[in-house]
Amino acid sequence: MAIQQRAERTRQEILSAAARVFDGLGYERASLARIAGEARVTTGALVFHFATKADLATAVRGRARAVTRITVESACLSTEGVGGTAIDKLVIATHALIRLFETDPMARAGERLARELQLTDPGLSGDCPWRREVARLARFAAAEKALRPGVDATAVAALIGYVITGVELEMRCPSTPSDEAWSTDEEPRTAETGALHCPAEQRLGRIWKLILPGLVHPAPHVP
């Protein structure tokens, strides 16, 4: 039993290390030797648990899918007792996702691997729990007649997917001292770059305030 526990602990340490390396370097630049070093195990110990880098990437993506699914489901459940609409759930779920991406290397690694590996396996594009949940909520919003006339639920789901991916990608951009706060002036300091240099969840909130009036009527309160 003790041997099995140590083996499982080592496996989890390798997975966590792989997530950090994939998150920081991407799939191509990551190597088993680098991941083993990050996990503080020998390469032999690593390949005992994961024979190839592809096996490791598959395991990381599986863990990332699980944590993102739990995150969006929990966020939606949090509104059930207060009569949350599909739009409420959509906004709250996306905020929960961004908080997850800010704090969890496993979730970020899953996003990066999905983008990079999709180039060789297009079928991976549909293997994303949070995108499926966004699409489901967009359809529910249409069924609740919360969307403006002529607004297509599929297009709404695609738009929100682009927003989440864009905010997650911008998290990876190095910050500078001038990025610490986003100006509230009429013309923000970073207007010439088109970037919102502020905490990721605040960026998402500003984007929601911009796009919601064009999607729904009347515009709901944004948490």
Protein backbone atom coordinates (compact mmCIF):
# COMPACT_ATOMS: atom_id res chain seq x y z
CA MET A 1 0.00 0.00 0.00
CA ALA A 2 2.80 2.43 0.90
CA ILE A 3 4.50 1.70 -2.43
CA GLN A 4 1.26 2.36 -4.30
CA GLN A 5 0.74 5.62 -2.45
CA ARG A 6 4.26 6.77 -3.28
CA ALA A 7 3.76 5.83 -6.92
CA GLU A 8 0.50 7.78 -7.09
CA ARG A 9 2.11 10.77 -5.38
CA THR A 10 4.95 10.69 -7.90
CA ARG A 11 2.46 10.47 -10.76
CA GLN A 12 0.60 13.53 -9.50
CA GLU A 13 3.84 15.47 -9.05
CA ILE A 14 4.81 14.63 -12.63
CA LEU A 15 1.40 15.76 -13.91
CA SER A 16 1.66 19.06 -12.02
CA ALA A 17 5.18 19.64 -13.32
CA ALA A 18 4.12 18.80 -16.86
CA ALA A 19 1.28 21.31 -16.63
CA ARG A 20 3.69 24.05 -15.57
CA VAL A 21 6.10 23.25 -18.38
CA PHE A 22 3.42 22.93 -21.06
CA ASP A 23 1.83 26.15 -19.80
CA GLY A 24 5.10 28.05 -20.00
CA LEU A 25 6.76 26.54 -23.07
CA GLY A 26 4.07 24.87 -25.12
CA TYR A 27 4.04 21.32 -26.46
CA GLU A 28 6.89 21.46 -28.97
CA ARG A 29 9.44 23.12 -26.68
CA ALA A 30 8.62 20.95 -23.68
CA SER A 31 10.79 17.87 -23.21
CA LEU A 32 10.57 14.85 -20.95
CA ALA A 33 13.93 15.78 -19.43
CA ARG A 34 12.71 19.30 -18.58
CA ILE A 35 9.48 17.96 -17.11
CA ALA A 36 11.38 15.38 -15.07
CA GLY A 37 13.63 18.13 -13.74
CA GLU A 38 10.63 20.26 -12.83
CA ALA A 39 9.10 17.29 -11.01
CA ARG A 40 12.43 16.45 -9.36
CA VAL A 41 12.36 12.86 -10.58
CA THR A 42 14.58 10.91 -12.94
CA THR A 43 13.59 10.60 -16.58
CA GLY A 44 13.32 6.86 -15.98
CA ALA A 45 10.79 7.44 -13.22
CA LEU A 46 8.83 9.74 -15.49
CA VAL A 47 8.63 7.29 -18.40
CA PHE A 48 7.56 4.55 -15.98
CA HIS A 49 4.36 6.54 -15.47
CA PHE A 50 4.10 8.27 -18.88
CA ALA A 51 5.92 6.59 -21.76
CA THR A 52 5.81 9.57 -24.14
CA LYS A 53 5.28 13.30 -24.15
CA ALA A 54 2.01 12.71 -25.99
CA ASP A 55 0.83 10.53 -23.09
CA LEU A 56 1.65 13.33 -20.67
CA ALA A 57 -0.15 15.91 -22.79
CA THR A 58 -3.22 13.68 -22.95
CA ALA A 59 -3.23 13.28 -19.16
CA VAL A 60 -2.81 17.02 -18.58
CA ARG A 61 -5.61 17.84 -21.00
CA GLY A 62 -7.86 15.30 -19.29
CA ARG A 63 -7.21 16.86 -15.89
CA ALA A 64 -7.75 20.36 -17.33
CA ARG A 65 -11.06 19.35 -18.90
CA ALA A 66 -12.21 17.97 -15.56
CA VAL A 67 -11.36 21.09 -13.59
CA THR A 68 -12.90 23.47 -16.14
CA ARG A 69 -16.07 21.38 -16.26
CA ILE A 70 -16.39 21.43 -12.48
CA THR A 71 -15.73 25.17 -12.44
CA VAL A 72 -18.45 26.10 -14.92
CA GLU A 73 -20.97 23.65 -13.45
CA SER A 74 -20.37 24.99 -9.94
CA ALA A 75 -20.69 28.58 -11.15
CA CYS A 76 -24.03 27.81 -12.80
CA LEU A 77 -25.31 25.98 -9.72
CA SER A 78 -24.48 29.01 -7.59
CA THR A 79 -27.29 30.93 -9.33
CA GLU A 80 -29.96 28.22 -9.06
CA GLY A 81 -31.27 29.34 -5.67
CA VAL A 82 -31.65 32.97 -6.73
CA GLY A 83 -33.47 32.40 -10.01
CA GLY A 84 -30.49 32.97 -12.25
CA THR A 85 -31.25 33.25 -15.95
CA ALA A 86 -29.15 31.70 -18.71
CA ILE A 87 -27.51 35.09 -19.26
CA ASP A 88 -26.69 35.36 -15.54
CA LYS A 89 -25.15 31.90 -15.65
CA LEU A 90 -23.20 32.73 -18.80
CA VAL A 91 -21.64 35.83 -17.25
CA ILE A 92 -20.89 34.16 -13.92
CA ALA A 93 -19.44 31.04 -15.57
CA THR A 94 -17.07 33.07 -17.73
CA HIS A 95 -15.85 35.05 -14.73
CA ALA A 96 -15.24 31.78 -12.88
CA LEU A 97 -13.27 30.47 -15.85
CA ILE A 98 -11.02 33.51 -15.96
CA ARG A 99 -10.35 33.25 -12.23
CA LEU A 100 -9.44 29.61 -12.80
CA PHE A 101 -7.08 30.44 -15.65
CA GLU A 102 -5.41 33.12 -13.53
CA THR A 103 -4.61 30.70 -10.72
CA ASP A 104 -4.38 27.17 -12.13
CA PRO A 105 -1.45 26.15 -14.40
CA MET A 106 -3.23 22.87 -15.18
CA ALA A 107 -6.23 24.69 -16.65
CA ARG A 108 -4.00 27.08 -18.61
CA ALA A 109 -1.88 24.20 -19.88
CA GLY A 110 -5.01 22.47 -21.11
CA GLU A 111 -6.01 25.56 -23.09
CA ARG A 112 -2.55 25.95 -24.62
CA LEU A 113 -2.28 22.28 -25.52
CA ALA A 114 -5.74 22.30 -27.08
CA ARG A 115 -4.77 25.19 -29.34
CA GLU A 116 -1.41 23.75 -30.34
CA LEU A 117 -2.47 20.13 -30.81
CA GLN A 118 -5.59 21.12 -32.72
CA LEU A 119 -3.28 21.95 -35.63
CA THR A 120 -2.51 18.23 -36.01
CA ASP A 121 -5.85 16.89 -34.72
CA PRO A 122 -8.78 19.15 -35.69
CA GLY A 123 -11.15 16.84 -33.81
CA LEU A 124 -9.88 18.30 -30.54
CA SER A 125 -11.80 21.53 -31.18
CA GLY A 126 -15.05 19.95 -29.98
CA ASP A 127 -13.48 18.38 -26.91
CA CYS A 128 -13.89 21.33 -24.55
CA PRO A 129 -16.36 21.26 -21.63
CA TRP A 130 -16.48 25.01 -21.07
CA ARG A 131 -17.18 25.74 -24.74
CA ARG A 132 -19.98 23.18 -24.75
CA GLU A 133 -21.45 24.80 -21.62
CA VAL A 134 -21.23 28.27 -23.18
CA ALA A 135 -23.06 26.97 -26.26
CA ARG A 136 -25.71 25.33 -24.08
CA LEU A 137 -26.30 28.51 -22.10
CA ALA A 138 -26.52 30.57 -25.28
CA ARG A 139 -29.23 28.21 -26.57
CA PHE A 140 -31.07 28.48 -23.25
CA ALA A 141 -30.87 32.28 -23.46
CA ALA A 142 -32.50 32.11 -26.87
CA ALA A 143 -35.19 29.77 -25.51
CA GLU A 144 -35.84 32.24 -22.67
CA LYS A 145 -36.18 34.97 -25.33
CA ALA A 146 -33.44 36.91 -23.58
CA LEU A 147 -31.51 37.56 -26.81
CA ARG A 148 -32.36 40.49 -29.03
CA PRO A 149 -34.37 39.63 -32.16
CA GLY A 150 -32.03 38.43 -34.88
CA VAL A 151 -29.20 37.54 -32.49
CA ASP A 152 -28.10 33.99 -33.22
CA ALA A 153 -27.24 31.74 -30.25
CA THR A 154 -24.45 30.00 -32.16
CA ALA A 155 -22.83 33.33 -32.95
CA VAL A 156 -23.15 34.37 -29.29
CA ALA A 157 -21.40 31.16 -28.19
CA ALA A 158 -18.62 31.75 -30.71
CA LEU A 159 -18.19 35.36 -29.58
CA ILE A 160 -17.92 34.40 -25.91
CA GLY A 161 -15.44 31.69 -26.83
CA TYR A 162 -13.29 34.26 -28.62
CA VAL A 163 -13.48 36.60 -25.63
CA ILE A 164 -12.44 33.94 -23.11
CA THR A 165 -9.59 32.74 -25.31
CA GLY A 166 -8.44 36.30 -25.94
CA VAL A 167 -8.38 37.20 -22.25
CA GLU A 168 -6.56 33.94 -21.43
CA LEU A 169 -3.98 34.61 -24.15
CA GLU A 170 -3.42 38.16 -22.93
CA MET A 171 -2.60 36.78 -19.47
CA ARG A 172 0.53 35.36 -21.06
CA CYS A 173 1.79 38.77 -22.23
CA PRO A 174 4.53 40.20 -20.00
CA SER A 175 3.36 43.16 -17.96
CA THR A 176 5.12 46.45 -17.37
CA PRO A 177 4.80 48.93 -14.48
CA SER A 178 2.35 50.95 -16.54
CA ASP A 179 0.05 47.91 -16.73
CA GLU A 180 -0.79 47.96 -13.01
CA ALA A 181 -4.06 49.79 -13.45
CA TRP A 182 -6.30 50.61 -16.36
CA SER A 183 -6.93 54.31 -16.62
CA THR A 184 -10.50 55.53 -16.18
CA ASP A 185 -9.85 58.58 -18.36
CA GLU A 186 -11.79 59.09 -21.56
CA GLU A 187 -8.71 57.91 -23.50
CA PRO A 188 -6.82 55.18 -21.60
CA ARG A 189 -3.03 55.30 -21.76
CA THR A 190 -3.01 52.05 -23.74
CA ALA A 191 -5.66 53.03 -26.28
CA GLU A 192 -3.12 53.00 -29.09
CA THR A 193 -2.40 49.29 -28.50
CA GLY A 194 -5.98 48.13 -28.06
CA ALA A 195 -5.05 46.33 -24.84
CA LEU A 196 -6.76 46.48 -21.45
CA HIS A 197 -3.90 46.41 -18.97
CA CYS A 198 -5.70 45.49 -15.76
CA PRO A 199 -6.52 42.28 -13.89
CA ALA A 200 -7.95 39.66 -16.24
CA GLU A 201 -11.33 39.44 -14.54
CA GLN A 202 -11.68 43.21 -14.69
CA ARG A 203 -10.92 43.08 -18.41
CA LEU A 204 -13.66 40.52 -18.85
CA GLY A 205 -16.11 42.67 -16.89
CA ARG A 206 -15.42 45.68 -19.10
CA ILE A 207 -15.91 43.56 -22.23
CA TRP A 208 -19.21 42.16 -20.92
CA LYS A 209 -20.49 45.68 -20.23
CA LEU A 210 -19.66 46.58 -23.80
CA ILE A 211 -21.22 43.59 -25.58
CA LEU A 212 -24.25 42.76 -23.41
CA PRO A 213 -26.44 45.64 -24.64
CA GLY A 214 -26.01 44.34 -28.19
CA LEU A 215 -26.96 40.80 -27.22
CA VAL A 216 -29.84 41.11 -24.78
CA HIS A 217 -32.72 43.42 -23.99
CA PRO A 218 -33.11 44.72 -21.43
CA ALA A 219 -29.46 44.54 -20.39
CA PRO A 220 -29.03 42.50 -17.17
CA HIS A 221 -26.89 43.50 -14.28
CA VAL A 222 -23.28 42.34 -14.69
CA PRO A 223 -21.82 40.81 -11.50
